[in-house]
Amino acid sequence: MSKNTRTDDFRKVDVDELDEENFRDEDTQDESGDTDTVSQRESEIKSLVSSGNTQGALQVALKDPPFGVKDKAVKDRNFSMVLDVLTRFKSSEIGKTVSSLDNEQRDILMKYIYRGFAEPTENSCGTLLVWHEKAVAEAGLGSIIRVMTDRKTV
């Protein structure tokens, strides 16, 4: 039998706060620290790549992407680092590398892949297509939906 609770808690929700036109970014960060973070990450990635650890370099590149950064130069610099790491992999290593990532890292990887498709460079599209194929095979179509609907961009 159902129970009548006579509660009116639902009436205390401010629906105007949920309007898309009143959207405010919650992930704003300090802009001065972003350049330093990207510089540190870049030096760490270069050392890992020079030692032959491309998988470790990818892990570092996908860690803590600059989502809330307003400075386009910082995002571009971070994207170019990730793209450089992705193009250094051999085709035979990509599947194993994607399977070693967790779901959050695969979604971030997919964001970088789609940005690479939007801003193609010389010889990057073929490599990104291989990455996309392996990422979809591992993460499924849900990863594409999550990336397309997420407001946070890389």
Protein backbone atom coordinates (compact mmCIF):
# COMPACT_ATOMS: atom_id res chain seq x y z
CA MET A 1 0.00 0.00 0.00
CA SER A 2 1.31 3.49 -0.76
CA LYS A 3 2.05 5.94 1.97
CA ASN A 4 1.04 9.59 1.80
CA THR A 5 4.00 11.67 2.98
CA ARG A 6 2.48 15.10 2.37
CA THR A 7 5.90 16.59 1.78
CA ASP A 8 6.47 19.75 -0.20
CA ASP A 9 10.28 19.65 -0.41
CA PHE A 10 10.11 19.60 -4.20
CA ARG A 11 8.65 23.11 -4.16
CA LYS A 12 11.86 24.58 -2.76
CA VAL A 13 13.84 23.99 -5.98
CA ASP A 14 14.68 27.18 -7.87
CA VAL A 15 13.98 26.23 -11.49
CA ASP A 16 15.36 29.53 -12.81
CA GLU A 17 18.76 28.46 -11.50
CA LEU A 18 18.69 25.47 -13.84
CA ASP A 19 18.17 27.56 -16.99
CA GLU A 20 20.92 27.04 -19.61
CA GLU A 21 21.19 30.76 -20.33
CA ASN A 22 22.24 31.38 -16.71
CA PHE A 23 25.09 28.86 -16.94
CA ARG A 24 28.29 29.72 -15.04
CA ASP A 25 31.53 27.79 -15.31
CA GLU A 26 32.36 26.10 -12.04
CA ASP A 27 35.80 24.93 -13.11
CA THR A 28 37.56 28.27 -13.31
CA GLN A 29 41.22 28.09 -12.35
CA ASP A 30 44.05 30.49 -11.76
CA GLU A 31 45.38 31.47 -15.20
CA SER A 32 48.97 32.12 -14.09
CA GLY A 33 49.43 28.60 -12.74
CA ASP A 34 48.15 26.99 -15.94
CA THR A 35 51.18 27.95 -18.02
CA ASP A 36 53.51 26.59 -15.35
CA THR A 37 51.55 23.34 -15.15
CA VAL A 38 51.66 22.85 -18.91
CA SER A 39 55.41 23.62 -18.96
CA GLN A 40 56.08 21.06 -16.23
CA ARG A 41 53.95 18.48 -18.01
CA GLU A 42 55.72 19.21 -21.30
CA SER A 43 59.17 18.63 -19.82
CA GLU A 44 58.02 15.41 -18.15
CA ILE A 45 56.51 14.16 -21.43
CA LYS A 46 59.68 14.98 -23.37
CA SER A 47 61.82 13.05 -20.92
CA LEU A 48 59.48 10.03 -21.06
CA VAL A 49 59.38 10.08 -24.87
CA SER A 50 63.16 10.37 -25.13
CA SER A 51 63.54 7.35 -22.85
CA GLY A 52 61.13 5.37 -25.06
CA ASN A 53 58.23 5.24 -22.61
CA THR A 54 55.46 6.50 -24.90
CA GLN A 55 52.74 4.81 -22.85
CA GLY A 56 53.88 6.67 -19.72
CA ALA A 57 54.03 9.88 -21.73
CA LEU A 58 50.41 9.37 -22.81
CA GLN A 59 49.35 8.77 -19.20
CA VAL A 60 50.99 12.06 -18.17
CA ALA A 61 49.53 13.91 -21.17
CA LEU A 62 45.98 12.78 -20.35
CA LYS A 63 46.30 13.55 -16.65
CA ASP A 64 44.56 16.75 -15.50
CA PRO A 65 43.70 18.41 -18.84
CA PRO A 66 43.13 22.19 -18.82
CA PHE A 67 39.31 22.13 -18.83
CA GLY A 68 38.58 25.41 -17.04
CA VAL A 69 41.30 27.44 -18.71
CA LYS A 70 40.15 30.47 -20.69
CA ASP A 71 43.53 31.09 -22.36
CA LYS A 72 43.42 29.44 -25.79
CA ALA A 73 47.24 29.42 -26.06
CA VAL A 74 47.50 27.13 -23.01
CA LYS A 75 44.92 24.73 -24.45
CA ASP A 76 46.64 24.78 -27.85
CA ARG A 77 50.02 24.03 -26.30
CA ASN A 78 48.59 21.15 -24.28
CA PHE A 79 46.81 19.78 -27.38
CA SER A 80 49.99 19.88 -29.44
CA MET A 81 51.79 17.87 -26.72
CA VAL A 82 49.08 15.21 -26.70
CA LEU A 83 49.01 15.06 -30.50
CA ASP A 84 52.79 14.68 -30.59
CA VAL A 85 52.59 11.76 -28.16
CA LEU A 86 49.76 10.10 -30.14
CA THR A 87 51.68 10.29 -33.41
CA ARG A 88 54.75 8.62 -31.87
CA PHE A 89 52.94 5.30 -31.30
CA LYS A 90 53.23 2.43 -33.74
CA SER A 91 49.92 1.10 -35.07
CA SER A 92 50.49 -2.25 -33.38
CA GLU A 93 50.89 -0.63 -29.93
CA ILE A 94 47.72 1.48 -30.00
CA GLY A 95 45.22 -1.25 -29.06
CA LYS A 96 47.24 -2.40 -26.07
CA THR A 97 47.72 1.18 -24.92
CA VAL A 98 44.02 2.05 -25.15
CA SER A 99 43.07 -1.06 -23.19
CA SER A 100 45.46 -0.03 -20.40
CA LEU A 101 43.61 3.29 -19.90
CA ASP A 102 40.64 3.65 -17.56
CA ASN A 103 37.26 4.99 -18.75
CA GLU A 104 37.94 8.59 -17.77
CA GLN A 105 41.26 8.59 -19.59
CA ARG A 106 39.60 7.07 -22.67
CA ASP A 107 37.02 9.86 -22.67
CA ILE A 108 39.74 12.49 -22.40
CA LEU A 109 41.64 10.75 -25.19
CA MET A 110 38.49 10.82 -27.31
CA LYS A 111 38.18 14.58 -26.71
CA TYR A 112 41.70 15.09 -28.00
CA ILE A 113 41.00 12.85 -30.99
CA TYR A 114 37.95 14.90 -31.96
CA ARG A 115 39.87 18.13 -31.51
CA GLY A 116 42.53 16.67 -33.79
CA PHE A 117 39.85 15.95 -36.39
CA ALA A 118 38.61 19.53 -36.08
CA GLU A 119 42.12 20.99 -36.43
CA PRO A 120 43.98 18.58 -38.73
CA THR A 121 47.72 18.82 -39.17
CA GLU A 122 49.90 17.12 -41.72
CA ASN A 123 49.65 13.30 -41.43
CA SER A 124 47.66 13.41 -38.16
CA CYS A 125 44.25 12.30 -39.46
CA GLY A 126 45.32 8.76 -40.36
CA THR A 127 46.86 8.24 -36.95
CA LEU A 128 43.84 9.74 -35.21
CA LEU A 129 41.51 7.42 -37.14
CA VAL A 130 43.43 4.40 -35.83
CA TRP A 131 43.26 5.80 -32.29
CA HIS A 132 39.52 6.44 -32.71
CA GLU A 133 38.90 2.91 -33.96
CA LYS A 134 40.72 1.33 -31.00
CA ALA A 135 39.15 3.69 -28.47
CA VAL A 136 35.61 2.98 -29.70
CA ALA A 137 36.31 -0.75 -29.73
CA GLU A 138 37.46 -0.59 -26.11
CA ALA A 139 35.14 2.07 -24.61
CA GLY A 140 32.07 1.61 -26.78
CA LEU A 141 29.73 4.14 -28.31
CA GLY A 142 28.97 5.65 -24.90
CA SER A 143 32.36 7.33 -24.96
CA ILE A 144 31.42 9.22 -28.12
CA ILE A 145 28.14 10.37 -26.58
CA ARG A 146 29.84 11.50 -23.36
CA VAL A 147 32.43 13.49 -25.30
CA MET A 148 29.91 15.14 -27.62
CA THR A 149 27.60 16.20 -24.79
CA ASP A 150 30.24 17.35 -22.32
CA ARG A 151 30.70 21.12 -22.04
CA LYS A 152 34.31 20.81 -20.91
CA THR A 153 36.64 21.12 -23.88
CA VAL A 154 40.33 20.42 -24.25
